[in-house]
Amino acid sequence: MSPACLYSTLDGIHKFVKQVAEQKWSSRLMRKGSIESALSEYNAALDDAVRSFQVCSTPLTVYLYSS
C-alpha cells in the first residue's frame, strides 16, 4: 500500500462521519449499531493504512537521517 491508500482511507472516514453528522439525532440513534460497526471497520482499515504508510516511509526516513 502507498500513502495514497492512507489518504483514501482518511477521505472515506471523513465522508462517512460528515454524512452521519448531517442526519437527525433520531436517525443516528436508530442506526447506532450499523454506525458503530462501520466505525469499527474504518478503525481496522485506518490501522492497516497507517502501518503500510510507516513501512513505506521508513526507507525514506533512514535515507534522510543517514545523509
N, C-alpha and C. Protein backbone atom coordinates (compact mmCIF):
# COMPACT_ATOMS: atom_id res chain seq x y z
N MET A 1 0.84 -1.19 0.00
CA MET A 1 0.00 0.00 0.00
C MET A 1 0.88 1.25 0.00
N SER A 2 0.28 2.33 -0.38
CA SER A 2 1.04 3.57 -0.53
C SER A 2 0.41 4.67 0.31
N PRO A 3 1.06 5.83 0.35
CA PRO A 3 0.45 6.98 1.03
C PRO A 3 -0.92 7.31 0.47
N ALA A 4 -1.15 7.00 -0.80
CA ALA A 4 -2.47 7.25 -1.39
C ALA A 4 -3.54 6.43 -0.69
N CYS A 5 -3.17 5.24 -0.24
CA CYS A 5 -4.12 4.39 0.48
C CYS A 5 -4.50 5.04 1.80
N LEU A 6 -3.52 5.60 2.49
CA LEU A 6 -3.81 6.30 3.75
C LEU A 6 -4.74 7.47 3.49
N TYR A 7 -4.45 8.25 2.46
CA TYR A 7 -5.31 9.39 2.13
C TYR A 7 -6.72 8.92 1.79
N SER A 8 -6.81 7.87 1.00
CA SER A 8 -8.11 7.34 0.60
C SER A 8 -8.93 6.89 1.82
N THR A 9 -8.26 6.22 2.75
CA THR A 9 -8.94 5.76 3.97
C THR A 9 -9.43 6.95 4.79
N LEU A 10 -8.57 7.94 4.97
CA LEU A 10 -8.96 9.14 5.73
C LEU A 10 -10.10 9.88 5.04
N ASP A 11 -10.06 9.95 3.73
CA ASP A 11 -11.13 10.61 2.98
C ASP A 11 -12.45 9.86 3.15
N GLY A 12 -12.41 8.54 3.11
CA GLY A 12 -13.62 7.74 3.32
C GLY A 12 -14.21 7.94 4.70
N ILE A 13 -13.35 7.99 5.71
CA ILE A 13 -13.81 8.22 7.08
C ILE A 13 -14.45 9.60 7.18
N HIS A 14 -13.80 10.60 6.59
CA HIS A 14 -14.34 11.97 6.63
C HIS A 14 -15.72 12.04 5.99
N LYS A 15 -15.88 11.42 4.83
CA LYS A 15 -17.17 11.46 4.14
C LYS A 15 -18.25 10.75 4.96
N PHE A 16 -17.89 9.60 5.56
CA PHE A 16 -18.86 8.86 6.36
C PHE A 16 -19.29 9.67 7.58
N VAL A 17 -18.34 10.21 8.31
CA VAL A 17 -18.66 10.97 9.52
C VAL A 17 -19.47 12.21 9.17
N LYS A 18 -19.12 12.87 8.08
CA LYS A 18 -19.87 14.06 7.66
C LYS A 18 -21.31 13.68 7.32
N GLN A 19 -21.49 12.57 6.62
CA GLN A 19 -22.84 12.13 6.24
C GLN A 19 -23.66 11.80 7.49
N VAL A 20 -23.06 11.09 8.42
CA VAL A 20 -23.77 10.71 9.64
C VAL A 20 -24.10 11.95 10.48
N ALA A 21 -23.17 12.89 10.54
CA ALA A 21 -23.38 14.10 11.33
C ALA A 21 -24.51 14.96 10.78
N GLU A 22 -24.76 14.86 9.50
CA GLU A 22 -25.83 15.65 8.88
C GLU A 22 -27.21 15.06 9.11
N GLN A 23 -27.29 13.84 9.62
CA GLN A 23 -28.58 13.20 9.88
C GLN A 23 -29.15 13.70 11.21
N LYS A 24 -30.44 13.59 11.34
CA LYS A 24 -31.08 13.95 12.61
C LYS A 24 -30.63 12.97 13.68
N TRP A 25 -30.63 13.44 14.93
CA TRP A 25 -30.17 12.59 16.02
C TRP A 25 -31.02 11.34 16.15
N SER A 26 -32.31 11.44 15.86
CA SER A 26 -33.18 10.27 15.97
C SER A 26 -32.79 9.20 14.94
N SER A 27 -32.40 9.64 13.76
CA SER A 27 -31.94 8.71 12.73
C SER A 27 -30.64 8.04 13.15
N ARG A 28 -29.73 8.83 13.73
CA ARG A 28 -28.47 8.26 14.21
C ARG A 28 -28.70 7.26 15.32
N LEU A 29 -29.66 7.55 16.19
CA LEU A 29 -29.97 6.63 17.28
C LEU A 29 -30.50 5.31 16.74
N MET A 30 -31.36 5.38 15.73
CA MET A 30 -31.92 4.17 15.14
C MET A 30 -30.84 3.33 14.43
N ARG A 31 -29.84 3.99 13.90
CA ARG A 31 -28.77 3.31 13.16
C ARG A 31 -27.53 3.10 14.00
N LYS A 32 -27.63 3.25 15.30
CA LYS A 32 -26.47 3.20 16.18
C LYS A 32 -25.61 1.96 15.94
N GLY A 33 -26.23 0.80 15.83
CA GLY A 33 -25.48 -0.45 15.62
C GLY A 33 -24.69 -0.45 14.33
N SER A 34 -25.32 -0.01 13.25
CA SER A 34 -24.62 -0.01 11.96
C SER A 34 -23.53 1.06 11.93
N ILE A 35 -23.75 2.17 12.61
CA ILE A 35 -22.73 3.22 12.68
C ILE A 35 -21.52 2.71 13.46
N GLU A 36 -21.76 2.05 14.59
CA GLU A 36 -20.66 1.51 15.38
C GLU A 36 -19.88 0.46 14.59
N SER A 37 -20.61 -0.37 13.86
CA SER A 37 -19.96 -1.39 13.03
C SER A 37 -19.09 -0.75 11.95
N ALA A 38 -19.62 0.26 11.29
CA ALA A 38 -18.86 0.95 10.25
C ALA A 38 -17.62 1.62 10.83
N LEU A 39 -17.76 2.25 11.99
CA LEU A 39 -16.60 2.89 12.62
C LEU A 39 -15.54 1.86 13.01
N SER A 40 -15.96 0.70 13.44
CA SER A 40 -15.02 -0.37 13.77
C SER A 40 -14.26 -0.82 12.52
N GLU A 41 -14.98 -0.95 11.41
CA GLU A 41 -14.33 -1.33 10.15
C GLU A 41 -13.36 -0.24 9.67
N TYR A 42 -13.77 1.01 9.80
CA TYR A 42 -12.88 2.11 9.42
C TYR A 42 -11.64 2.13 10.31
N ASN A 43 -11.81 1.83 11.59
CA ASN A 43 -10.67 1.79 12.50
C ASN A 43 -9.66 0.74 12.06
N ALA A 44 -10.14 -0.44 11.69
CA ALA A 44 -9.25 -1.50 11.22
C ALA A 44 -8.57 -1.09 9.91
N ALA A 45 -9.32 -0.47 9.01
CA ALA A 45 -8.74 -0.03 7.74
C ALA A 45 -7.70 1.06 7.97
N LEU A 46 -7.96 1.95 8.91
CA LEU A 46 -7.01 3.02 9.22
C LEU A 46 -5.74 2.44 9.82
N ASP A 47 -5.86 1.47 10.73
CA ASP A 47 -4.68 0.81 11.30
C ASP A 47 -3.83 0.19 10.19
N ASP A 48 -4.47 -0.52 9.26
CA ASP A 48 -3.74 -1.14 8.15
C ASP A 48 -3.05 -0.09 7.29
N ALA A 49 -3.76 0.98 6.98
CA ALA A 49 -3.19 2.03 6.13
C ALA A 49 -2.02 2.73 6.81
N VAL A 50 -2.13 2.97 8.11
CA VAL A 50 -1.04 3.63 8.84
C VAL A 50 0.19 2.73 8.88
N ARG A 51 -0.02 1.45 9.15
CA ARG A 51 1.11 0.51 9.16
C ARG A 51 1.80 0.47 7.80
N SER A 52 1.01 0.42 6.75
CA SER A 52 1.58 0.39 5.41
C SER A 52 2.33 1.68 5.10
N PHE A 53 1.78 2.79 5.53
CA PHE A 53 2.44 4.07 5.31
C PHE A 53 3.77 4.12 6.05
N GLN A 54 3.79 3.61 7.29
CA GLN A 54 5.03 3.61 8.07
C GLN A 54 6.08 2.73 7.42
N VAL A 55 5.68 1.57 6.93
CA VAL A 55 6.62 0.68 6.26
C VAL A 55 7.14 1.32 4.99
N CYS A 56 6.26 1.96 4.27
CA CYS A 56 6.62 2.60 3.01
C CYS A 56 7.54 3.80 3.24
N SER A 57 7.33 4.54 4.31
CA SER A 57 8.11 5.76 4.54
C SER A 57 9.38 5.52 5.34
N THR A 58 9.56 4.36 5.94
CA THR A 58 10.74 4.08 6.75
C THR A 58 12.03 4.19 5.93
N PRO A 59 12.13 3.61 4.74
CA PRO A 59 13.38 3.76 3.98
C PRO A 59 13.72 5.22 3.69
N LEU A 60 12.71 6.05 3.45
CA LEU A 60 12.95 7.47 3.21
C LEU A 60 13.50 8.12 4.46
N THR A 61 12.94 7.81 5.60
CA THR A 61 13.40 8.38 6.87
C THR A 61 14.84 7.97 7.13
N VAL A 62 15.17 6.70 6.93
CA VAL A 62 16.52 6.21 7.14
C VAL A 62 17.48 6.94 6.20
N TYR A 63 17.09 7.11 4.94
CA TYR A 63 17.91 7.81 3.98
C TYR A 63 18.15 9.26 4.39
N LEU A 64 17.10 9.95 4.84
CA LEU A 64 17.23 11.36 5.21
C LEU A 64 18.15 11.54 6.42
N TYR A 65 18.06 10.63 7.40
CA TYR A 65 18.88 10.77 8.59
C TYR A 65 20.30 10.26 8.39
N SER A 66 20.53 9.46 7.39
CA SER A 66 21.88 8.95 7.16
C SER A 66 22.70 9.87 6.26
N SER A 67 22.02 10.82 5.63
CA SER A 67 22.73 11.74 4.71
C SER A 67 23.50 12.79 5.46
